[in-house]
Amino acid sequence: MLLALSLVLSGCVSNAVRLIPAGMAASNAGAVVIYGVGVEGNWKHERFGIELAAYDLGKQALAGNCFRFDRTRATVPAASGPIQYFAFEVPPGNYVYSPFNSAPLAQDAWAFAAPEARTVYIGDFVYARNDDVVIRRDPGNLQRAHAASLPDLKGEIVLATAVPVRPPAPFLCTP
């Protein structure tokens, strides 16, 4: 009982997102999102990461809370280098640049659609030289993302539909 209570009070207990390691196939449940992460600026920590969070378009807010918070998380070494691609099985829905990220987003907030039984490429998130993150949505990167992250992934990968949204606010978990 004490262990369960401490897990609940420690915050965000449940996350239905699963990283798909390179060389593995998706289970065909839900949706698949692919995005790249890179560093061009001088990130002062050992690793740089990007988190995308489930977003409720109707409420214009994060879809999660302290008990269930669906989100992706991808990290790369802080040194400049090529874009690294990551693929995740996610519950179908919309995903935004999380307010829990360490670096601000240079652009306006966008929600990216991940439809059921589809594989979408969101774009490349790059920590830029001006200390913020830019999203590069070059459809030409679809092939590179496919080859780099999941060469065994079956089916078509399409550019995720994006709609402008209100920037999400973080939530606070307290006992």
Protein backbone atom coordinates (compact mmCIF):
# COMPACT_ATOMS: atom_id res chain seq x y z
CA MET A 1 0.00 0.00 0.00
CA LEU A 2 2.79 2.41 0.91
CA LEU A 3 4.56 1.73 -2.42
CA ALA A 4 1.38 2.40 -4.41
CA LEU A 5 0.74 5.62 -2.50
CA SER A 6 4.30 6.84 -3.06
CA LEU A 7 4.01 6.14 -6.81
CA VAL A 8 0.77 8.10 -7.02
CA LEU A 9 2.16 11.03 -5.05
CA SER A 10 5.39 11.10 -7.04
CA GLY A 11 3.47 12.22 -10.15
CA CYS A 12 2.75 10.97 -13.65
CA VAL A 13 2.26 7.26 -13.02
CA SER A 14 0.89 5.98 -16.35
CA ASN A 15 2.17 6.60 -19.88
CA ALA A 16 0.76 4.57 -22.79
CA VAL A 17 3.55 5.59 -25.19
CA ARG A 18 6.20 3.04 -26.21
CA LEU A 19 9.52 3.77 -27.91
CA ILE A 20 10.03 1.47 -30.91
CA PRO A 21 13.71 0.52 -30.99
CA ALA A 22 15.49 0.48 -34.36
CA GLY A 23 15.14 -2.93 -35.99
CA MET A 24 11.81 -3.64 -34.31
CA ALA A 25 8.38 -3.41 -35.88
CA ALA A 26 5.34 -1.60 -34.53
CA SER A 27 2.61 -3.76 -33.04
CA ASN A 28 -0.04 -2.13 -35.27
CA ALA A 29 -1.90 -0.91 -32.18
CA GLY A 30 -2.71 2.79 -32.00
CA ALA A 31 -0.62 5.18 -34.09
CA VAL A 32 3.09 5.67 -34.75
CA VAL A 33 4.87 9.03 -34.61
CA ILE A 34 8.40 9.64 -35.87
CA TYR A 35 10.49 12.74 -35.26
CA GLY A 36 14.09 13.81 -35.33
CA VAL A 37 16.16 15.49 -32.62
CA GLY A 38 19.36 17.42 -33.19
CA VAL A 39 21.65 20.02 -31.65
CA GLU A 40 23.25 22.94 -33.50
CA GLY A 41 23.61 25.35 -30.58
CA ASN A 42 25.66 25.17 -27.40
CA TRP A 43 23.52 23.04 -25.06
CA LYS A 44 25.21 23.18 -21.67
CA HIS A 45 24.19 19.74 -20.43
CA GLU A 46 25.32 16.21 -21.30
CA ARG A 47 22.15 15.32 -23.26
CA PHE A 48 19.38 17.22 -25.03
CA GLY A 49 15.83 15.92 -25.07
CA ILE A 50 12.45 16.60 -26.61
CA GLU A 51 9.12 15.63 -25.14
CA LEU A 52 5.82 15.67 -27.03
CA ALA A 53 2.66 15.47 -24.93
CA ALA A 54 -0.89 14.39 -25.68
CA TYR A 55 -3.08 17.43 -26.32
CA ASP A 56 -6.86 17.93 -26.15
CA LEU A 57 -7.87 20.16 -29.07
CA GLY A 58 -11.32 20.83 -27.58
CA LYS A 59 -9.95 22.07 -24.26
CA GLN A 60 -6.80 23.60 -25.83
CA ALA A 61 -4.76 22.01 -23.04
CA LEU A 62 -2.60 19.02 -22.22
CA ALA A 63 -4.63 15.81 -22.15
CA GLY A 64 -2.79 14.45 -19.13
CA ASN A 65 -2.77 14.78 -15.39
CA CYS A 66 -0.76 13.45 -12.45
CA PHE A 67 -2.12 9.92 -12.87
CA ARG A 68 -2.03 9.50 -16.67
CA PHE A 69 0.20 11.52 -18.94
CA ASP A 70 0.92 10.17 -22.43
CA ARG A 71 4.15 11.61 -23.79
CA THR A 72 7.16 10.75 -25.92
CA ARG A 73 10.70 11.44 -24.80
CA ALA A 74 13.78 11.33 -27.04
CA THR A 75 17.29 12.38 -26.05
CA VAL A 76 20.55 12.83 -27.96
CA PRO A 77 24.10 13.77 -26.93
CA ALA A 78 24.53 17.53 -26.55
CA ALA A 79 27.31 17.74 -29.14
CA SER A 80 26.37 18.93 -32.61
CA GLY A 81 25.81 16.07 -34.98
CA PRO A 82 23.36 14.59 -37.43
CA ILE A 83 19.65 14.42 -36.66
CA GLN A 84 18.70 11.22 -34.83
CA TYR A 85 15.24 9.78 -35.48
CA PHE A 86 12.89 8.15 -32.99
CA ALA A 87 9.64 6.27 -33.45
CA PHE A 88 6.92 5.77 -30.85
CA GLU A 89 3.68 3.83 -30.63
CA VAL A 90 1.18 6.28 -29.20
CA PRO A 91 -2.52 6.40 -28.47
CA PRO A 92 -4.22 8.08 -31.44
CA GLY A 93 -4.74 11.80 -30.91
CA ASN A 94 -2.85 15.06 -31.04
CA TYR A 95 0.60 15.83 -29.67
CA VAL A 96 2.33 19.15 -28.89
CA TYR A 97 5.77 20.38 -27.90
CA SER A 98 5.55 19.83 -24.16
CA PRO A 99 5.74 22.72 -21.70
CA PHE A 100 8.01 20.42 -19.65
CA ASN A 101 10.82 20.74 -22.22
CA SER A 102 13.97 22.56 -21.08
CA ALA A 103 14.32 24.87 -24.09
CA PRO A 104 11.65 27.23 -25.45
CA LEU A 105 10.08 26.69 -28.84
CA ALA A 106 10.94 29.40 -31.41
CA GLN A 107 7.66 29.05 -33.30
CA ASP A 108 4.02 29.24 -32.30
CA ALA A 109 2.49 26.13 -30.76
CA TRP A 110 1.16 23.44 -33.10
CA ALA A 111 -0.70 20.21 -32.45
CA PHE A 112 0.31 17.29 -34.64
CA ALA A 113 -2.29 14.65 -35.49
CA ALA A 114 -1.49 10.96 -34.98
CA PRO A 115 -4.48 9.11 -36.50
CA GLU A 116 -5.25 5.53 -35.54
CA ALA A 117 -3.42 2.87 -37.57
CA ARG A 118 -1.26 5.50 -39.34
CA THR A 119 2.43 6.37 -39.19
CA VAL A 120 3.23 10.07 -39.23
CA TYR A 121 6.44 12.06 -39.41
CA ILE A 122 6.16 15.20 -37.26
CA GLY A 123 9.43 16.89 -38.18
CA ASP A 124 12.88 17.56 -36.79
CA PHE A 125 13.28 19.39 -33.47
CA VAL A 126 16.63 21.18 -33.44
CA TYR A 127 18.22 23.10 -30.60
CA ALA A 128 19.39 26.14 -32.54
CA ARG A 129 22.27 28.57 -32.09
CA ASN A 130 19.94 31.19 -30.54
CA ASP A 131 19.12 28.90 -27.58
CA ASP A 132 15.64 27.83 -28.64
CA VAL A 133 14.15 24.91 -30.52
CA VAL A 134 13.03 25.13 -34.13
CA ILE A 135 10.80 22.62 -35.89
CA ARG A 136 11.82 21.74 -39.42
CA ARG A 137 9.07 19.99 -41.33
CA ASP A 138 10.80 19.13 -44.57
CA PRO A 139 8.87 16.36 -46.36
CA GLY A 140 12.20 15.31 -47.91
CA ASN A 141 13.26 14.10 -44.47
CA LEU A 142 10.52 11.45 -44.50
CA GLN A 143 12.74 8.99 -46.35
CA ARG A 144 15.71 9.70 -44.07
CA ALA A 145 13.51 9.29 -41.00
CA HIS A 146 12.18 5.99 -42.31
CA ALA A 147 15.61 4.61 -43.18
CA ALA A 148 17.26 5.85 -39.96
CA SER A 149 14.62 4.98 -37.38
CA LEU A 150 12.58 2.05 -38.61
CA PRO A 151 13.70 0.41 -41.83
CA ASP A 152 11.46 -2.54 -40.93
CA LEU A 153 8.38 -0.37 -40.50
CA LYS A 154 5.69 -1.42 -42.94
CA GLY A 155 3.29 0.94 -44.62
CA GLU A 156 3.31 4.54 -45.71
CA ILE A 157 4.74 7.35 -43.59
CA VAL A 158 3.04 10.71 -44.11
CA LEU A 159 3.73 14.21 -42.86
CA ALA A 160 1.57 14.80 -39.77
CA THR A 161 -1.24 17.29 -40.12
CA ALA A 162 -0.50 20.32 -37.92
CA VAL A 163 -2.91 22.91 -36.55
CA PRO A 164 -2.09 26.04 -34.53
CA VAL A 165 -3.08 25.79 -30.88
CA ARG A 166 -2.85 27.73 -27.66
CA PRO A 167 0.51 27.00 -26.00
CA PRO A 168 -0.01 24.32 -23.37
CA ALA A 169 0.50 25.13 -19.72
CA PRO A 170 2.22 22.63 -17.41
CA PHE A 171 0.28 21.01 -14.61
CA LEU A 172 1.55 20.62 -11.07
CA CYS A 173 1.24 17.41 -9.10
CA THR A 174 1.02 17.90 -5.35
CA PRO A 175 -0.09 15.56 -2.58
